[in-house]
N, C-alpha and C. Protein backbone atom coordinates (compact mmCIF):
# COMPACT_ATOMS: atom_id res chain seq x y z
N MET A 1 4.30 4.95 -18.16
CA MET A 1 3.49 5.21 -17.10
C MET A 1 2.35 6.11 -17.22
N LYS A 2 1.40 5.80 -16.48
CA LYS A 2 0.30 6.85 -16.45
C LYS A 2 0.20 8.33 -16.26
N ARG A 3 -0.35 9.05 -16.59
CA ARG A 3 -0.30 10.42 -16.37
C ARG A 3 -1.71 11.10 -15.80
N HIS A 4 -1.61 12.04 -15.11
CA HIS A 4 -2.92 12.70 -14.58
C HIS A 4 -3.71 11.72 -13.71
N VAL A 5 -2.91 11.18 -12.97
CA VAL A 5 -3.55 10.06 -12.05
C VAL A 5 -4.73 10.95 -11.06
N PHE A 6 -4.02 11.75 -10.61
CA PHE A 6 -5.03 12.64 -9.73
C PHE A 6 -6.40 13.19 -10.46
N CYS A 7 -6.21 13.48 -11.82
CA CYS A 7 -7.39 13.79 -12.67
C CYS A 7 -8.21 12.55 -12.89
N ARG A 8 -7.76 11.32 -13.09
CA ARG A 8 -8.41 10.11 -13.47
C ARG A 8 -9.21 9.73 -12.17
N CYS A 9 -8.58 9.81 -10.99
CA CYS A 9 -9.34 9.34 -10.00
C CYS A 9 -10.01 10.08 -9.11
N LEU A 10 -9.60 11.58 -9.01
CA LEU A 10 -10.42 12.42 -7.86
C LEU A 10 -11.26 13.24 -8.79
N LEU A 11 -10.83 13.58 -10.08
CA LEU A 11 -11.48 14.43 -10.92
C LEU A 11 -12.60 13.62 -11.83
N TYR A 12 -12.27 12.70 -12.29
CA TYR A 12 -13.14 11.75 -13.33
C TYR A 12 -13.96 10.65 -12.51
N GLY A 13 -13.64 10.27 -11.20
CA GLY A 13 -14.26 9.56 -10.55
C GLY A 13 -13.60 8.02 -10.55
N VAL A 14 -14.19 7.31 -9.49
CA VAL A 14 -13.74 6.01 -9.31
C VAL A 14 -14.88 4.86 -9.14
N THR A 15 -14.70 3.61 -9.00
CA THR A 15 -15.70 2.72 -8.74
C THR A 15 -15.85 1.98 -7.27
N GLY A 16 -14.86 2.35 -6.39
CA GLY A 16 -14.84 1.66 -5.17
C GLY A 16 -13.62 1.85 -4.35
N ALA A 17 -13.47 1.07 -3.33
CA ALA A 17 -12.44 1.27 -2.73
C ALA A 17 -11.95 -0.05 -1.72
N LEU A 18 -10.85 -0.17 -1.45
CA LEU A 18 -10.43 -1.53 -0.84
C LEU A 18 -9.66 -1.38 0.39
N ILE A 19 -10.15 -1.67 1.57
CA ILE A 19 -9.28 -1.59 2.89
C ILE A 19 -9.66 -2.91 3.59
N GLY A 20 -8.65 -3.68 4.31
CA GLY A 20 -9.13 -4.88 5.15
C GLY A 20 -8.59 -4.31 6.49
N GLY A 21 -9.13 -5.51 7.29
CA GLY A 21 -8.69 -5.66 8.53
C GLY A 21 -9.18 -4.30 9.63
N TRP A 22 -10.72 -4.54 9.53
CA TRP A 22 -11.21 -3.57 10.48
C TRP A 22 -11.49 -4.04 11.75
N SER A 23 -11.73 -3.22 12.77
CA SER A 23 -12.04 -3.37 14.07
C SER A 23 -12.94 -2.31 14.57
N MET A 24 -14.16 -2.48 14.75
CA MET A 24 -15.11 -1.60 15.23
C MET A 24 -15.09 -1.22 16.52
N SER A 25 -14.96 -2.13 17.39
CA SER A 25 -14.60 -2.00 18.95
C SER A 25 -14.96 -0.55 19.60
N GLY A 26 -15.98 -0.27 19.40
CA GLY A 26 -16.62 0.92 20.03
C GLY A 26 -16.28 2.30 19.34
N LEU A 27 -16.06 2.39 18.06
CA LEU A 27 -15.62 3.29 17.41
C LEU A 27 -16.76 3.81 16.38
N ALA A 28 -17.95 3.38 16.45
CA ALA A 28 -19.01 3.58 15.48
C ALA A 28 -19.05 5.02 14.98
N ALA A 29 -19.02 5.92 15.98
CA ALA A 29 -19.42 7.23 15.56
C ALA A 29 -18.04 8.04 15.42
N THR A 30 -17.04 7.58 15.79
CA THR A 30 -15.66 8.44 15.67
C THR A 30 -15.41 8.93 14.38
N ALA A 31 -15.49 8.19 13.27
CA ALA A 31 -15.16 8.57 12.06
C ALA A 31 -16.15 9.52 11.29
N THR A 32 -17.43 9.19 11.62
CA THR A 32 -18.46 10.20 11.23
C THR A 32 -18.17 11.76 11.72
N GLU A 33 -17.92 11.61 13.23
CA GLU A 33 -17.36 12.75 13.97
C GLU A 33 -16.29 13.60 13.20
N ASN A 34 -15.24 12.77 12.89
CA ASN A 34 -14.10 13.20 12.50
C ASN A 34 -14.43 13.97 11.02
N LEU A 35 -15.36 13.38 10.39
CA LEU A 35 -15.64 13.75 8.84
C LEU A 35 -16.42 15.05 9.03
N ASN A 36 -17.41 15.11 10.03
CA ASN A 36 -18.28 16.20 10.21
C ASN A 36 -17.34 17.55 10.67
N ARG A 37 -16.34 17.29 11.67
CA ARG A 37 -15.52 18.36 12.14
C ARG A 37 -14.58 18.74 10.95
N PHE A 38 -14.30 17.83 10.22
CA PHE A 38 -13.23 18.28 9.21
C PHE A 38 -13.88 19.17 8.06
N PHE A 39 -15.06 18.85 7.69
CA PHE A 39 -15.70 19.57 6.76
C PHE A 39 -16.30 20.73 7.01
N GLN A 40 -16.81 20.88 8.46
CA GLN A 40 -17.35 22.06 9.01
C GLN A 40 -16.42 23.06 9.67
N GLU A 41 -14.91 22.60 9.89
CA GLU A 41 -14.26 23.61 10.58
C GLU A 41 -13.24 24.06 9.42
N PHE A 42 -12.67 23.14 8.50
CA PHE A 42 -11.58 23.51 7.90
C PHE A 42 -12.03 24.66 6.85
N LYS A 43 -11.36 25.35 6.33
CA LYS A 43 -11.43 26.23 5.28
C LYS A 43 -10.14 26.48 4.33
N THR A 44 -9.05 26.14 4.77
CA THR A 44 -8.01 25.98 4.08
C THR A 44 -7.08 24.87 4.58
N LEU A 45 -6.27 24.35 3.71
CA LEU A 45 -5.47 23.24 4.08
C LEU A 45 -4.19 23.29 3.37
N ARG A 46 -3.20 22.81 3.85
CA ARG A 46 -1.69 22.71 3.08
C ARG A 46 -1.12 21.54 3.59
N ALA A 47 -0.65 20.89 2.89
CA ALA A 47 -0.19 19.37 3.04
C ALA A 47 0.91 18.92 1.98
N GLU A 48 1.70 17.97 2.37
CA GLU A 48 2.52 17.32 1.37
C GLU A 48 1.80 15.70 1.28
N PHE A 49 1.83 15.15 0.14
CA PHE A 49 1.32 13.78 -0.19
C PHE A 49 2.29 13.19 -0.96
N SER A 50 1.97 11.61 -0.60
CA SER A 50 2.65 10.70 -1.51
C SER A 50 1.26 9.95 -2.07
N GLN A 51 1.62 9.45 -3.17
CA GLN A 51 0.72 8.44 -3.86
C GLN A 51 1.30 7.18 -4.72
N VAL A 52 0.35 6.20 -4.64
CA VAL A 52 0.81 5.08 -5.22
C VAL A 52 -0.55 4.62 -5.86
N VAL A 53 -0.16 3.96 -7.11
CA VAL A 53 -1.12 3.36 -7.93
C VAL A 53 -0.84 1.82 -7.56
N LEU A 54 -1.76 0.96 -7.33
CA LEU A 54 -1.44 -0.48 -7.23
C LEU A 54 -2.23 -1.18 -8.14
N ASP A 55 -1.81 -2.20 -8.77
CA ASP A 55 -2.67 -3.21 -9.52
C ASP A 55 -3.66 -4.06 -8.68
N GLU A 56 -4.57 -4.95 -9.37
CA GLU A 56 -5.47 -5.74 -8.68
C GLU A 56 -4.75 -6.67 -7.69
N ASN A 57 -3.35 -6.92 -7.89
CA ASN A 57 -2.89 -7.77 -6.88
C ASN A 57 -1.87 -6.95 -5.97
N LEU A 58 -2.19 -5.81 -5.74
CA LEU A 58 -1.30 -4.91 -4.88
C LEU A 58 0.19 -4.65 -5.35
N VAL A 59 0.40 -4.77 -6.60
CA VAL A 59 1.78 -4.64 -7.01
C VAL A 59 1.78 -3.24 -7.36
N PRO A 60 2.96 -2.38 -6.85
CA PRO A 60 3.05 -0.80 -7.25
C PRO A 60 2.98 -0.80 -8.71
N LEU A 61 2.48 0.28 -9.44
CA LEU A 61 2.54 0.65 -10.52
C LEU A 61 3.20 1.86 -10.97
N GLU A 62 2.93 2.81 -9.96
CA GLU A 62 3.21 4.18 -10.05
C GLU A 62 3.48 4.98 -8.93
N GLU A 63 4.38 5.66 -8.53
CA GLU A 63 4.47 6.42 -7.26
C GLU A 63 4.69 7.66 -7.52
N SER A 64 4.09 8.57 -6.77
CA SER A 64 4.45 10.03 -7.12
C SER A 64 4.18 10.71 -5.80
N ALA A 65 4.81 11.94 -5.89
CA ALA A 65 4.58 13.03 -4.68
C ALA A 65 4.53 14.36 -4.81
N GLY A 66 4.15 15.33 -3.86
CA GLY A 66 4.12 16.69 -4.12
C GLY A 66 3.64 17.40 -3.06
N ARG A 67 2.76 18.53 -3.25
CA ARG A 67 2.44 19.44 -2.19
C ARG A 67 1.02 19.72 -2.65
N LEU A 68 0.05 19.94 -1.85
CA LEU A 68 -1.08 20.45 -2.14
C LEU A 68 -1.58 21.79 -1.17
N TRP A 69 -2.67 22.41 -1.91
CA TRP A 69 -3.13 23.70 -1.19
C TRP A 69 -4.76 23.55 -1.46
N ILE A 70 -5.69 23.75 -0.41
CA ILE A 70 -7.15 23.81 -0.81
C ILE A 70 -7.39 25.09 0.11
N SER A 71 -8.41 25.77 -0.65
CA SER A 71 -9.24 26.86 -0.08
C SER A 71 -10.50 26.68 -0.53
N ARG A 72 -11.43 26.39 0.54
CA ARG A 72 -12.65 26.02 0.07
C ARG A 72 -13.72 27.41 0.26
N PRO A 73 -14.70 27.51 -0.44
CA PRO A 73 -15.05 26.42 -1.35
C PRO A 73 -14.26 26.77 -2.90
N GLY A 74 -14.07 25.38 -3.39
CA GLY A 74 -13.84 25.54 -4.95
C GLY A 74 -12.51 25.65 -5.30
N ARG A 75 -11.43 25.94 -4.53
CA ARG A 75 -10.22 26.40 -5.00
C ARG A 75 -9.04 25.04 -4.37
N PHE A 76 -8.16 24.93 -5.20
CA PHE A 76 -7.15 24.03 -4.91
C PHE A 76 -6.20 23.95 -5.83
N ARG A 77 -4.72 23.59 -5.42
CA ARG A 77 -3.66 23.09 -6.29
C ARG A 77 -2.91 22.06 -5.71
N TRP A 78 -2.58 21.20 -6.84
CA TRP A 78 -1.89 19.80 -6.42
C TRP A 78 -0.52 19.95 -7.47
N ASN A 79 0.43 20.09 -6.67
CA ASN A 79 1.89 20.08 -7.55
C ASN A 79 2.49 18.73 -7.25
N TYR A 80 2.55 18.23 -8.48
CA TYR A 80 3.42 16.78 -8.49
C TYR A 80 4.98 17.14 -8.70
N HIS A 81 5.82 16.50 -8.06
CA HIS A 81 7.22 16.54 -8.09
C HIS A 81 7.58 15.67 -9.37
N PRO A 82 8.72 15.97 -9.97
CA PRO A 82 9.43 15.13 -11.13
C PRO A 82 9.60 13.64 -10.35
N PRO A 83 9.47 12.72 -11.20
CA PRO A 83 9.50 12.64 -12.65
C PRO A 83 8.13 12.97 -13.31
N PHE A 84 7.22 12.85 -12.65
CA PHE A 84 5.71 13.09 -13.10
C PHE A 84 5.28 14.51 -12.65
N ALA A 85 5.91 15.53 -13.02
CA ALA A 85 5.69 17.01 -12.65
C ALA A 85 4.50 17.53 -13.32
N GLN A 86 3.57 17.92 -12.67
CA GLN A 86 2.29 18.52 -12.94
C GLN A 86 1.85 19.49 -12.04
N GLN A 87 1.23 20.42 -12.58
CA GLN A 87 0.38 21.27 -11.94
C GLN A 87 -0.99 21.18 -12.09
N ILE A 88 -1.99 20.97 -10.93
CA ILE A 88 -3.20 21.09 -11.49
C ILE A 88 -4.14 22.09 -10.66
N VAL A 89 -4.70 23.12 -10.88
CA VAL A 89 -5.11 24.25 -10.41
C VAL A 89 -6.61 24.43 -10.64
N ALA A 90 -7.22 24.56 -9.54
CA ALA A 90 -8.80 24.93 -9.73
C ALA A 90 -8.87 26.50 -9.15
N ASP A 91 -9.33 27.36 -9.85
CA ASP A 91 -9.56 28.65 -9.28
C ASP A 91 -10.93 29.29 -9.10
N GLY A 92 -11.72 28.12 -9.03
CA GLY A 92 -13.21 28.39 -8.73
C GLY A 92 -14.09 28.61 -9.97
N VAL A 93 -13.35 28.89 -11.16
CA VAL A 93 -14.18 28.90 -12.64
C VAL A 93 -13.58 27.68 -13.22
N ARG A 94 -12.38 27.64 -13.33
CA ARG A 94 -12.21 26.66 -14.43
C ARG A 94 -10.78 25.84 -13.56
N ILE A 95 -10.39 24.48 -14.30
CA ILE A 95 -9.29 23.83 -13.85
C ILE A 95 -8.19 23.73 -14.81
N TRP A 96 -6.98 24.03 -14.35
CA TRP A 96 -5.77 24.04 -15.19
C TRP A 96 -4.89 22.91 -14.98
N ILE A 97 -4.74 22.14 -16.08
CA ILE A 97 -3.84 20.85 -15.73
C ILE A 97 -2.49 21.09 -16.68
N TYR A 98 -1.47 21.35 -16.04
CA TYR A 98 -0.22 21.60 -16.75
C TYR A 98 0.64 20.36 -16.55
N ASP A 99 0.94 19.94 -18.02
CA ASP A 99 1.94 18.80 -17.96
C ASP A 99 3.46 19.50 -18.40
N ILE A 100 4.11 19.48 -17.31
CA ILE A 100 5.58 20.34 -17.49
C ILE A 100 6.24 19.62 -18.69
N GLU A 101 6.28 18.41 -18.64
CA GLU A 101 7.16 17.40 -19.56
C GLU A 101 6.83 17.79 -20.99
N LEU A 102 5.43 17.53 -21.29
CA LEU A 102 4.90 17.82 -22.43
C LEU A 102 4.58 19.29 -22.87
N GLU A 103 4.89 20.11 -22.07
CA GLU A 103 4.74 21.53 -22.19
C GLU A 103 3.30 22.09 -22.80
N GLN A 104 2.43 21.31 -21.94
CA GLN A 104 0.96 21.53 -22.49
C GLN A 104 0.19 21.84 -21.10
N VAL A 105 -0.96 22.56 -21.62
CA VAL A 105 -1.72 22.99 -20.69
C VAL A 105 -3.24 22.76 -20.99
N THR A 106 -4.04 21.95 -20.34
CA THR A 106 -5.47 21.81 -20.61
C THR A 106 -6.52 22.32 -19.66
N VAL A 107 -7.49 23.03 -19.96
CA VAL A 107 -8.16 23.85 -19.42
C VAL A 107 -9.58 23.50 -19.45
N ARG A 108 -10.46 23.32 -18.36
CA ARG A 108 -11.78 22.69 -18.34
C ARG A 108 -12.69 23.56 -17.45
N ASP A 109 -13.98 23.72 -17.73
CA ASP A 109 -14.94 24.33 -16.88
C ASP A 109 -15.02 23.43 -15.46
N GLN A 110 -14.79 24.20 -14.24
CA GLN A 110 -14.75 23.50 -13.07
C GLN A 110 -15.80 22.92 -12.58
N ARG A 111 -17.03 23.82 -12.65
CA ARG A 111 -18.25 23.16 -12.29
C ARG A 111 -18.69 21.80 -12.80
N SER A 112 -18.33 21.69 -13.88
CA SER A 112 -18.95 20.43 -14.80
C SER A 112 -18.11 19.31 -14.51
N MET A 113 -16.72 19.78 -14.41
CA MET A 113 -15.60 18.72 -14.41
C MET A 113 -15.73 17.99 -12.91
N LEU A 114 -16.11 18.84 -11.91
CA LEU A 114 -16.14 18.41 -10.40
C LEU A 114 -17.14 17.67 -10.06
N GLU A 115 -18.46 18.14 -10.68
CA GLU A 115 -19.55 17.66 -10.10
C GLU A 115 -19.54 16.04 -10.08
N GLY A 116 -19.90 15.57 -8.87
CA GLY A 116 -20.27 14.12 -8.75
C GLY A 116 -18.88 13.55 -8.43
N THR A 117 -17.49 14.25 -8.30
CA THR A 117 -16.42 13.56 -8.12
C THR A 117 -15.89 13.75 -6.83
N PRO A 118 -15.00 12.89 -6.27
CA PRO A 118 -14.09 12.90 -4.81
C PRO A 118 -13.52 14.18 -4.93
N ALA A 119 -12.99 14.86 -5.96
CA ALA A 119 -12.43 16.26 -5.84
C ALA A 119 -13.42 17.29 -5.29
N SER A 120 -14.64 17.04 -5.48
CA SER A 120 -15.68 17.93 -5.25
C SER A 120 -15.85 17.82 -3.60
N LEU A 121 -15.48 16.77 -2.99
CA LEU A 121 -15.48 16.50 -1.52
C LEU A 121 -14.64 17.64 -0.90
N LEU A 122 -13.36 17.55 -1.34
CA LEU A 122 -12.31 18.35 -0.76
C LEU A 122 -12.40 19.62 -1.23
N ALA A 123 -12.82 19.95 -2.24
CA ALA A 123 -13.06 21.52 -2.72
C ALA A 123 -14.33 22.18 -1.75
N GLY A 124 -14.95 21.35 -1.27
CA GLY A 124 -16.33 21.78 -0.43
C GLY A 124 -17.37 22.32 -1.22
N GLN A 125 -17.36 21.46 -2.25
CA GLN A 125 -18.64 21.82 -3.17
C GLN A 125 -19.80 20.40 -3.16
N GLY A 126 -21.09 21.04 -2.94
CA GLY A 126 -22.03 20.06 -2.53
C GLY A 126 -22.22 19.91 -1.17
N ASP A 127 -23.21 19.06 -0.92
CA ASP A 127 -23.56 18.83 0.45
C ASP A 127 -23.43 17.19 0.89
N LEU A 128 -22.80 17.14 2.07
CA LEU A 128 -22.37 15.73 2.34
C LEU A 128 -23.60 15.03 2.89
N GLY A 129 -24.44 15.51 3.52
CA GLY A 129 -25.63 14.87 3.97
C GLY A 129 -26.85 14.53 2.97
N THR A 130 -26.82 15.61 1.70
CA THR A 130 -27.71 15.46 0.74
C THR A 130 -27.10 14.43 -0.36
N ASP A 131 -26.13 14.72 -0.41
CA ASP A 131 -25.18 13.99 -1.67
C ASP A 131 -24.63 12.82 -1.61
N TYR A 132 -24.61 12.31 -0.10
CA TYR A 132 -23.59 10.92 0.17
C TYR A 132 -24.36 10.17 1.29
N VAL A 133 -24.16 8.95 1.06
CA VAL A 133 -24.63 7.86 2.15
C VAL A 133 -23.11 7.71 2.89
N ILE A 134 -23.24 8.17 4.02
CA ILE A 134 -22.02 8.05 5.06
C ILE A 134 -22.14 6.84 5.88
N GLN A 135 -21.05 6.20 5.93
CA GLN A 135 -21.01 5.15 6.83
C GLN A 135 -19.79 4.81 7.48
N ASP A 136 -19.63 4.64 8.64
CA ASP A 136 -18.01 4.35 9.44
C ASP A 136 -17.89 3.14 9.09
N LEU A 137 -16.53 2.91 9.09
CA LEU A 137 -15.74 1.64 8.60
C LEU A 137 -15.08 1.07 9.81
N GLY A 138 -14.75 1.76 10.71
CA GLY A 138 -13.97 1.36 11.93
C GLY A 138 -12.71 1.64 11.76
N GLN A 139 -11.90 1.03 12.65
CA GLN A 139 -10.19 1.36 12.65
C GLN A 139 -9.40 0.39 12.04
N GLN A 140 -8.40 0.70 11.49
CA GLN A 140 -7.38 -0.04 11.02
C GLN A 140 -6.13 0.50 11.53
N GLY A 141 -5.45 -0.05 12.53
CA GLY A 141 -4.27 0.47 13.24
C GLY A 141 -4.79 1.65 13.89
N SER A 142 -4.21 2.77 13.65
CA SER A 142 -4.50 4.09 14.56
C SER A 142 -5.37 4.97 13.57
N VAL A 143 -5.72 4.42 12.47
CA VAL A 143 -6.40 5.27 11.53
C VAL A 143 -8.06 4.61 11.68
N VAL A 144 -9.06 5.67 11.87
CA VAL A 144 -10.38 5.35 11.63
C VAL A 144 -10.82 5.86 10.12
N TRP A 145 -11.77 4.96 9.46
CA TRP A 145 -12.04 5.06 8.24
C TRP A 145 -13.59 5.47 7.96
N VAL A 146 -14.14 6.26 7.03
CA VAL A 146 -15.33 6.56 6.81
C VAL A 146 -15.55 6.31 5.20
N SER A 147 -16.83 5.74 4.74
CA SER A 147 -16.91 5.62 3.42
C SER A 147 -18.06 6.63 3.21
N LEU A 148 -17.88 7.23 1.84
CA LEU A 148 -19.19 7.97 1.54
C LEU A 148 -19.33 7.53 0.17
N GLN A 149 -20.63 7.20 -0.16
CA GLN A 149 -21.15 6.69 -1.53
C GLN A 149 -22.20 7.54 -1.98
N PRO A 150 -22.07 8.14 -3.22
CA PRO A 150 -22.98 9.13 -3.80
C PRO A 150 -24.38 8.61 -3.73
N LYS A 151 -25.55 9.28 -3.70
CA LYS A 151 -26.92 9.00 -3.83
C LYS A 151 -27.39 8.92 -5.24
N ALA A 152 -26.58 9.87 -6.06
CA ALA A 152 -27.07 10.12 -7.44
C ALA A 152 -26.43 8.93 -8.29
N SER A 153 -27.08 8.22 -9.00
CA SER A 153 -26.45 7.34 -9.83
C SER A 153 -25.56 7.68 -11.06
N ASN A 154 -25.45 9.02 -11.18
CA ASN A 154 -24.64 9.55 -12.37
C ASN A 154 -23.46 10.16 -11.73
N GLY A 155 -23.02 10.14 -10.49
CA GLY A 155 -21.97 10.55 -9.86
C GLY A 155 -20.69 10.31 -10.29
N GLY A 156 -20.45 9.29 -11.18
CA GLY A 156 -19.05 8.83 -11.55
C GLY A 156 -18.21 7.87 -10.80
N PHE A 157 -18.67 7.69 -9.54
CA PHE A 157 -18.06 6.75 -8.66
C PHE A 157 -18.87 6.18 -7.66
N ALA A 158 -18.43 4.87 -6.93
CA ALA A 158 -19.41 4.35 -6.22
C ALA A 158 -18.96 4.48 -4.80
N GLU A 159 -17.64 5.02 -4.57
CA GLU A 159 -17.28 5.11 -3.09
C GLU A 159 -15.86 5.56 -3.19
N VAL A 160 -15.84 6.55 -1.94
CA VAL A 160 -14.35 7.06 -1.91
C VAL A 160 -14.40 6.89 -0.18
N GLN A 161 -13.01 6.45 0.25
CA GLN A 161 -12.98 6.35 1.50
C GLN A 161 -11.72 7.10 2.35
N LEU A 162 -12.18 7.80 3.46
CA LEU A 162 -11.18 8.63 3.99
C LEU A 162 -10.66 8.33 5.37
N GLY A 163 -9.44 8.46 5.75
CA GLY A 163 -8.87 7.83 6.73
C GLY A 163 -8.38 9.07 7.88
N PHE A 164 -8.88 9.07 9.08
CA PHE A 164 -8.53 10.15 10.09
C PHE A 164 -7.49 9.46 11.16
N GLN A 165 -6.27 10.32 11.44
CA GLN A 165 -5.54 9.91 12.40
C GLN A 165 -5.55 11.09 13.37
N ASN A 166 -5.58 10.89 14.48
CA ASN A 166 -5.65 12.24 15.57
C ASN A 166 -6.64 13.16 15.18
N ASP A 167 -7.68 12.94 14.62
CA ASP A 167 -8.68 13.91 14.00
C ASP A 167 -8.24 14.53 12.78
N THR A 168 -7.27 14.31 12.16
CA THR A 168 -6.71 14.79 10.78
C THR A 168 -6.82 14.02 9.67
N LEU A 169 -7.30 14.36 8.73
CA LEU A 169 -7.30 13.77 7.53
C LEU A 169 -5.90 13.18 7.14
N ARG A 170 -5.55 11.81 6.65
CA ARG A 170 -4.31 11.37 6.59
C ARG A 170 -4.33 10.56 5.31
N LEU A 171 -5.46 9.95 4.79
CA LEU A 171 -5.21 9.03 3.71
C LEU A 171 -6.76 9.08 3.00
N ILE A 172 -6.55 8.92 1.82
CA ILE A 172 -7.55 8.89 0.73
C ILE A 172 -7.42 7.46 0.10
N GLN A 173 -8.43 6.92 -0.42
CA GLN A 173 -8.20 5.39 -0.79
C GLN A 173 -9.36 5.36 -1.94
N LEU A 174 -8.88 5.11 -3.49
CA LEU A 174 -9.68 5.03 -4.52
C LEU A 174 -9.51 3.64 -5.11
N LEU A 175 -10.57 3.17 -5.96
CA LEU A 175 -10.32 2.02 -6.92
C LEU A 175 -10.91 2.37 -8.07
N ASP A 176 -10.29 2.04 -9.31
CA ASP A 176 -10.78 2.72 -10.41
C ASP A 176 -11.41 1.41 -11.24
N HIS A 177 -11.87 1.68 -12.63
CA HIS A 177 -12.47 0.43 -13.28
C HIS A 177 -11.70 -0.70 -13.65
N LEU A 178 -10.36 -0.36 -13.62
CA LEU A 178 -9.59 -1.76 -13.75
C LEU A 178 -9.01 -2.29 -12.58
N ASP A 179 -9.58 -2.03 -11.50
CA ASP A 179 -9.42 -2.49 -10.09
C ASP A 179 -7.85 -2.03 -9.74
N GLN A 180 -7.40 -1.11 -10.13
CA GLN A 180 -6.24 -0.35 -9.62
C GLN A 180 -6.57 0.70 -8.44
N ILE A 181 -5.81 0.27 -7.63
CA ILE A 181 -6.20 1.07 -6.19
C ILE A 181 -5.13 2.36 -6.53
N THR A 182 -5.67 3.50 -6.07
CA THR A 182 -4.82 4.69 -5.84
C THR A 182 -4.88 4.97 -4.19
N ARG A 183 -3.74 5.30 -3.73
CA ARG A 183 -3.78 5.68 -2.32
C ARG A 183 -2.99 6.80 -1.98
N ILE A 184 -3.50 7.65 -1.39
CA ILE A 184 -2.80 9.20 -1.22
C ILE A 184 -2.77 9.41 0.31
N VAL A 185 -1.34 9.30 0.68
CA VAL A 185 -1.16 9.61 2.14
C VAL A 185 -0.77 10.95 2.50
N LEU A 186 -1.47 11.84 3.22
CA LEU A 186 -1.01 13.29 3.56
C LEU A 186 0.00 13.29 4.71
N SER A 187 0.79 14.42 4.62
CA SER A 187 1.71 14.36 5.77
C SER A 187 1.99 15.87 5.87
N HIS A 188 2.52 16.35 7.27
CA HIS A 188 2.72 17.67 7.42
C HIS A 188 1.36 18.60 7.30
N VAL A 189 0.20 18.07 7.61
CA VAL A 189 -1.06 18.73 7.24
C VAL A 189 -1.11 19.77 8.32
N GLU A 190 -1.52 21.04 7.59
CA GLU A 190 -1.84 21.97 8.28
C GLU A 190 -3.24 22.54 7.96
N GLU A 191 -4.01 22.55 8.98
CA GLU A 191 -5.65 23.03 8.75
C GLU A 191 -5.60 24.49 9.13
N ASN A 192 -6.51 25.19 8.09
CA ASN A 192 -6.69 26.87 8.25
C ASN A 192 -5.33 27.62 8.48
N PRO A 193 -4.41 27.24 7.56
CA PRO A 193 -3.47 28.25 7.30
C PRO A 193 -3.74 29.59 6.39
N GLN A 194 -3.03 30.47 6.50
CA GLN A 194 -3.17 31.53 5.49
C GLN A 194 -2.49 31.13 4.26
N ILE A 195 -3.22 31.02 3.01
CA ILE A 195 -2.86 30.97 1.83
C ILE A 195 -2.97 32.10 0.99
N PRO A 196 -2.00 32.57 0.43
CA PRO A 196 -2.40 33.74 -0.54
C PRO A 196 -3.14 33.29 -1.86
N ALA A 197 -4.00 34.43 -1.97
CA ALA A 197 -4.91 33.83 -3.17
C ALA A 197 -4.27 33.74 -4.59
N ASP A 198 -3.31 34.23 -4.53
CA ASP A 198 -2.43 33.89 -6.06
C ASP A 198 -1.96 32.76 -6.12
N GLN A 199 -2.07 31.75 -4.96
CA GLN A 199 -1.60 30.36 -4.99
C GLN A 199 -2.47 29.56 -6.17
N PHE A 200 -3.78 30.27 -6.15
CA PHE A 200 -4.78 29.40 -6.93
C PHE A 200 -4.99 30.16 -8.26
N HIS A 201 -4.16 30.98 -8.55
CA HIS A 201 -4.07 31.65 -9.91
C HIS A 201 -2.89 31.03 -10.95
N PHE A 202 -3.36 30.66 -12.18
CA PHE A 202 -2.56 30.13 -13.16
C PHE A 202 -2.42 30.71 -14.17
N THR A 203 -1.34 31.31 -14.64
CA THR A 203 -0.83 31.99 -16.11
C THR A 203 -0.12 30.67 -16.82
N VAL A 204 -0.75 30.68 -18.03
CA VAL A 204 0.01 29.90 -18.87
C VAL A 204 1.40 30.18 -19.30
N PRO A 205 2.49 29.26 -19.23
CA PRO A 205 3.81 29.75 -19.39
C PRO A 205 3.90 30.04 -21.05
N VAL A 206 5.00 31.06 -21.20
CA VAL A 206 4.96 31.35 -22.71
C VAL A 206 5.71 30.13 -23.62
N GLY A 207 5.21 29.82 -24.55
CA GLY A 207 5.67 28.69 -25.42
C GLY A 207 4.99 27.38 -25.33
N VAL A 208 3.95 27.50 -24.36
CA VAL A 208 3.23 26.10 -23.77
C VAL A 208 1.98 25.99 -24.55
N ASP A 209 1.64 24.95 -25.13
CA ASP A 209 0.46 24.76 -25.89
C ASP A 209 -0.74 24.79 -24.80
N LEU A 210 -1.81 25.48 -25.44
CA LEU A 210 -3.11 25.61 -24.50
C LEU A 210 -4.16 24.91 -25.22
N ILE A 211 -4.82 23.66 -24.44
CA ILE A 211 -5.95 23.33 -25.02
C ILE A 211 -7.32 23.36 -24.05
N GLU A 212 -8.07 24.07 -25.00
CA GLU A 212 -9.55 24.35 -24.08
C GLU A 212 -10.64 23.03 -24.37
N ALA A 213 -10.38 22.16 -23.39
CA ALA A 213 -11.27 21.07 -23.54
C ALA A 213 -12.90 20.81 -23.17
N GLU A 214 -13.36 20.12 -23.88
CA GLU A 214 -14.92 20.33 -23.49
C GLU A 214 -14.98 18.69 -22.83
N LEU A 215 -15.79 18.55 -21.82
CA LEU A 215 -16.05 17.40 -21.12
C LEU A 215 -16.74 16.45 -21.93
């Protein structure tokens, strides 16, 4: 099974996304309004998530779940539950990727790693209007979707789609170079909770290998 799915899709970038069954029905501005409100008003976020990777035939390849914390700008933590236990922590300067099973920590420069990636959106880095072409995609069921396409050709991905339900971000959908779709569903979403600063501090455990990697 693949590891570091979050890193591969959100940190390294994707090539597109796939969602079908749209209905515009008078909702042309709704998704953009949700997007603007979300990125203007939220400073911190806490949620649980489930994640599934699908192949080009929509057959599930890997399922995982965990909890996430975001403090904008520039700090986040994604904790993946077993059997794919990982911790991914951005402290504002560096990104720490801790593979618990392998007893290995990889650390990278955060600015260079996040530049032009979907993770930079959630971390509140960059400028939506300057960096992305934003398009409303309409409604699918109770979810309204918005597409963000980077204006820079070196952004590392072609599109990321965000789904909002009742004005709250609930879904993120990505497609990689192998036409494998990654869908992330958020639940128990809390906007602007108090999150201790040490939630975004990472200390390398004793006995764990540390790899300082260059991009």
